[in-house]
Protein backbone atom coordinates (compact mmCIF):
# COMPACT_ATOMS: atom_id res chain seq x y z
CA MET A 1 0.00 0.00 0.00
CA LYS A 2 1.39 3.38 -1.03
CA GLY A 3 1.15 6.20 1.48
CA ILE A 4 2.57 9.56 2.49
CA LEU A 5 2.22 12.09 5.29
CA GLY A 6 1.22 15.67 4.65
CA LYS A 7 -0.14 18.93 5.97
CA LYS A 8 -3.58 20.25 5.09
CA LEU A 9 -3.19 23.72 3.57
CA GLY A 10 -6.83 24.61 2.86
CA MET A 11 -9.55 24.49 0.23
CA THR A 12 -9.82 26.17 -3.15
CA GLN A 13 -11.19 25.32 -6.58
CA ILE A 14 -9.98 24.45 -10.07
CA PHE A 15 -11.75 24.19 -13.40
CA GLY A 16 -12.15 20.96 -15.33
CA ASP A 17 -11.62 20.58 -19.07
CA ASP A 18 -15.35 21.06 -19.62
CA GLY A 19 -15.44 24.25 -17.52
CA THR A 20 -16.98 22.70 -14.41
CA VAL A 21 -15.83 23.96 -11.02
CA ILE A 22 -14.07 21.29 -8.92
CA PRO A 23 -13.70 21.96 -5.16
CA ILE A 24 -10.32 20.68 -3.93
CA THR A 25 -8.26 20.50 -0.77
CA LEU A 26 -4.55 21.27 -1.09
CA ILE A 27 -2.14 19.09 0.87
CA GLU A 28 1.59 19.63 1.30
CA ALA A 29 2.58 15.98 0.80
CA GLY A 30 6.10 15.23 1.93
CA PRO A 31 8.90 15.02 1.48
CA CYS A 32 8.86 12.07 3.89
CA TYR A 33 11.70 9.79 4.94
CA VAL A 34 11.64 6.09 5.77
CA THR A 35 12.80 5.94 9.39
CA GLN A 36 12.05 2.28 10.15
CA LYS A 37 10.99 -0.96 8.43
CA LYS A 38 8.90 -3.66 10.10
CA THR A 39 8.62 -7.16 8.67
CA ALA A 40 6.58 -10.24 9.50
CA GLU A 41 9.74 -12.09 10.59
CA THR A 42 10.72 -9.55 13.25
CA ASP A 43 7.49 -7.69 14.11
CA THR A 44 4.70 -10.09 12.95
CA TYR A 45 3.48 -7.55 10.36
CA ASN A 46 4.83 -5.56 7.40
CA ALA A 47 4.98 -1.77 7.57
CA ILE A 48 7.20 1.23 7.07
CA GLN A 49 7.53 4.19 9.39
CA LEU A 50 7.56 7.58 7.70
CA GLY A 51 8.87 10.83 9.13
CA PHE A 52 7.53 14.22 8.05
CA GLY A 53 8.02 17.87 8.94
CA GLU A 54 11.68 18.81 9.26
CA THR A 55 12.41 20.71 12.46
CA GLU A 56 15.30 21.82 14.66
CA LYS A 57 17.22 19.24 16.66
CA ARG A 58 16.63 21.11 19.94
CA LYS A 59 12.86 20.65 19.58
CA LEU A 60 13.03 16.83 19.74
CA ASN A 61 13.36 14.65 22.83
CA GLN A 62 16.20 12.19 23.39
CA PRO A 63 14.35 8.98 22.39
CA LYS A 64 13.32 10.46 19.05
CA LEU A 65 16.82 11.86 18.45
CA GLY A 66 18.32 8.40 19.00
CA HIS A 67 15.74 6.75 16.77
CA LEU A 68 16.27 9.23 13.92
CA GLY A 69 20.03 9.06 14.33
CA LYS A 70 19.98 5.34 13.55
CA SER A 71 17.97 5.88 10.37
CA GLY A 72 20.18 8.69 9.10
CA SER A 73 17.13 10.74 8.16
CA PRO A 74 16.72 14.47 8.86
CA MET A 75 15.23 15.62 12.14
CA VAL A 76 11.46 15.29 11.65
CA ARG A 77 8.56 16.16 13.88
CA HIS A 78 5.96 13.51 12.94
CA LEU A 79 6.37 9.73 12.77
CA ARG A 80 3.60 7.45 11.48
CA GLU A 81 3.40 3.83 10.31
CA ILE A 82 1.84 2.73 7.04
CA ARG A 83 1.06 -0.94 6.51
CA THR A 84 2.45 -2.28 3.25
CA SER A 85 3.10 -5.72 1.82
CA ASP A 86 6.24 -4.56 0.00
CA ALA A 87 8.23 -3.15 2.92
CA GLY A 88 11.32 -4.86 1.51
CA ASP A 89 11.27 -2.52 -1.48
CA TYR A 90 12.07 0.46 0.76
CA GLU A 91 15.41 1.47 2.24
CA ILE A 92 16.03 3.18 5.57
CA GLY A 93 16.51 6.90 4.93
CA GLN A 94 14.77 6.72 1.53
CA LYS A 95 12.91 9.86 0.48
CA VAL A 96 9.20 9.56 -0.40
CA ASP A 97 7.52 12.43 -2.25
CA ALA A 98 4.25 13.31 -3.99
CA SER A 99 5.28 11.46 -7.15
CA ILE A 100 3.98 8.16 -5.70
CA PHE A 101 0.46 9.33 -6.66
CA LYS A 102 -0.90 10.53 -9.98
CA VAL A 103 -4.02 12.37 -11.10
CA GLY A 104 -7.03 10.07 -11.03
CA ASP A 105 -5.84 7.82 -8.20
CA ILE A 106 -8.45 6.88 -5.58
CA VAL A 107 -7.15 7.43 -2.03
CA ASP A 108 -8.21 7.53 1.61
CA VAL A 109 -7.26 10.52 3.76
CA VAL A 110 -6.92 10.20 7.54
CA GLY A 111 -6.95 13.26 9.79
CA THR A 112 -8.05 14.57 13.17
CA SER A 113 -11.35 16.45 13.08
CA LYS A 114 -11.70 19.92 14.54
CA GLY A 115 -12.36 19.96 18.29
CA LYS A 116 -15.67 21.59 19.24
CA GLY A 117 -15.37 21.33 23.02
CA PHE A 118 -18.30 20.31 25.23
CA ALA A 119 -21.49 20.31 23.15
CA GLY A 120 -25.15 19.58 23.86
CA VAL A 121 -27.27 16.90 22.20
CA VAL A 122 -28.78 19.29 19.61
CA LYS A 123 -25.38 20.23 18.21
CA ARG A 124 -23.66 16.90 18.85
CA HIS A 125 -26.35 14.42 17.78
CA HIS A 126 -28.86 16.65 15.91
CA PHE A 127 -31.66 16.11 18.44
CA ALA A 128 -34.83 18.09 17.73
CA GLY A 129 -35.10 19.42 21.29
CA GLY A 130 -38.29 19.73 23.33
CA PRO A 131 -41.63 21.23 22.26
CA LYS A 132 -41.69 24.98 21.71
CA THR A 133 -45.07 25.39 23.38
CA HIS A 134 -47.30 24.01 26.19
CA GLY A 135 -45.78 26.38 28.68
CA GLN A 136 -42.26 25.03 28.85
CA SER A 137 -39.52 27.65 28.80
CA ASP A 138 -36.23 25.84 29.37
CA ARG A 139 -36.39 22.49 27.47
CA TRP A 140 -35.79 23.66 23.89
CA ARG A 141 -32.32 22.11 23.63
CA SER A 142 -32.68 19.39 26.27
CA SER A 143 -32.23 15.67 25.64
CA GLY A 144 -35.40 14.67 27.49
CA SER A 145 -35.67 11.21 29.05
CA VAL A 146 -32.54 9.05 28.89
CA GLY A 147 -34.01 5.71 30.01
CA ALA A 148 -36.78 3.71 31.66
CA GLY A 149 -37.39 3.35 35.42
CA THR A 150 -37.57 -0.06 37.07
CA THR A 151 -36.48 -1.98 33.98
CA PRO A 152 -33.55 -1.82 33.32
CA GLY A 153 -33.17 0.65 36.17
CA HIS A 154 -30.08 2.35 34.75
CA VAL A 155 -29.03 4.29 31.68
CA LEU A 156 -27.89 1.98 28.88
CA LYS A 157 -24.27 2.17 27.78
CA GLY A 158 -23.84 4.18 24.58
CA GLN A 159 -26.81 6.47 25.24
CA ARG A 160 -26.36 9.63 23.17
CA MET A 161 -25.80 12.56 25.53
CA ALA A 162 -23.99 15.87 25.75
CA GLY A 163 -20.20 15.61 25.82
CA ARG A 164 -16.92 16.38 24.10
CA MET A 165 -17.41 16.80 20.37
CA GLY A 166 -14.81 16.50 17.62
CA ASN A 167 -11.04 15.98 17.94
CA ASP A 168 -11.47 12.40 16.67
CA ARG A 169 -9.55 10.38 14.10
CA VAL A 170 -11.59 10.50 10.89
CA THR A 171 -11.02 8.73 7.57
CA VAL A 172 -12.52 10.01 4.32
CA GLN A 173 -12.62 7.14 1.83
CA ASN A 174 -12.51 6.88 -1.95
CA ILE A 175 -11.68 10.45 -2.94
CA LYS A 176 -9.97 11.24 -6.22
CA VAL A 177 -6.59 12.92 -6.67
CA ALA A 178 -7.24 16.01 -8.79
CA LEU A 179 -3.75 17.52 -8.99
CA VAL A 180 -0.12 16.51 -8.33
CA ASP A 181 2.77 18.99 -8.29
CA VAL A 182 5.98 17.14 -7.41
CA GLU A 183 8.19 20.26 -7.52
CA LYS A 184 6.05 22.05 -4.91
CA ASN A 185 5.23 18.87 -2.94
CA LEU A 186 1.51 19.41 -3.49
CA ILE A 187 -1.35 16.95 -3.84
CA ALA A 188 -4.92 18.16 -4.34
CA VAL A 189 -7.89 15.88 -3.64
CA ARG A 190 -11.51 16.47 -4.62
CA GLY A 191 -13.79 17.67 -1.84
CA SER A 192 -13.05 18.24 1.83
CA ILE A 193 -10.93 16.30 4.32
CA PRO A 194 -11.00 16.29 8.15
CA GLY A 195 -8.99 18.67 10.30
CA SER A 196 -8.04 22.31 10.50
CA ASN A 197 -5.51 23.99 8.24
CA ASN A 198 -1.89 23.02 8.97
CA SER A 199 -2.98 19.77 10.66
CA LEU A 200 -1.30 16.43 9.92
CA VAL A 201 -2.97 14.05 7.46
CA ILE A 202 -2.12 10.62 6.06
CA ILE A 203 -2.83 9.83 2.41
CA HIS A 204 -2.80 6.20 1.32
CA GLU A 205 -4.25 3.96 -1.36
CA SER A 206 -7.96 3.33 -0.99
CA VAL A 207 -8.79 0.20 0.99
CA LYS A 208 -12.34 -0.26 -0.36
CA LYS A 209 -12.10 1.09 -3.90
């Protein structure tokens, strides 16, 4: 499975050959460096570890400095694993850039959604809220009853309630690569992807295409 790490830059639009407007998200994809290889013989599964986001040496802790020193790769901020059946085709320290994808490829993009903080059931789960009449004045955005009385006598696990919203790992599947610029390390995908601008994303081959 091909994959690369990147940084979400934001959304814009391009025009297709027939003049249609195509909404796209720009991603700064790479350059990444192979910092570790894992094989079925030594680790029970096949994967490569990619490093992305060059930074200053003083901003990294000692374990990461030692790990990167063994690989001979530049000092990078982010490390992520990508499962692949052909881990043997990669070399430690090898550079991976946007050229691994081409226009028309179908990919999955993994990111961390925007955090919304503590939210009520209307915003978090799209509840309708209470009735707007019959004299009530403070139940418009309330959840109402959350369970029965004697049986089962407690609130069931998984009941939708108010709570922390967002800041979750989200995968958008089967989106098309609309643009690849290897010189500028840019990949553009059709539509939106999770996360705020400048957040870390993982782009890999589609699993369910």
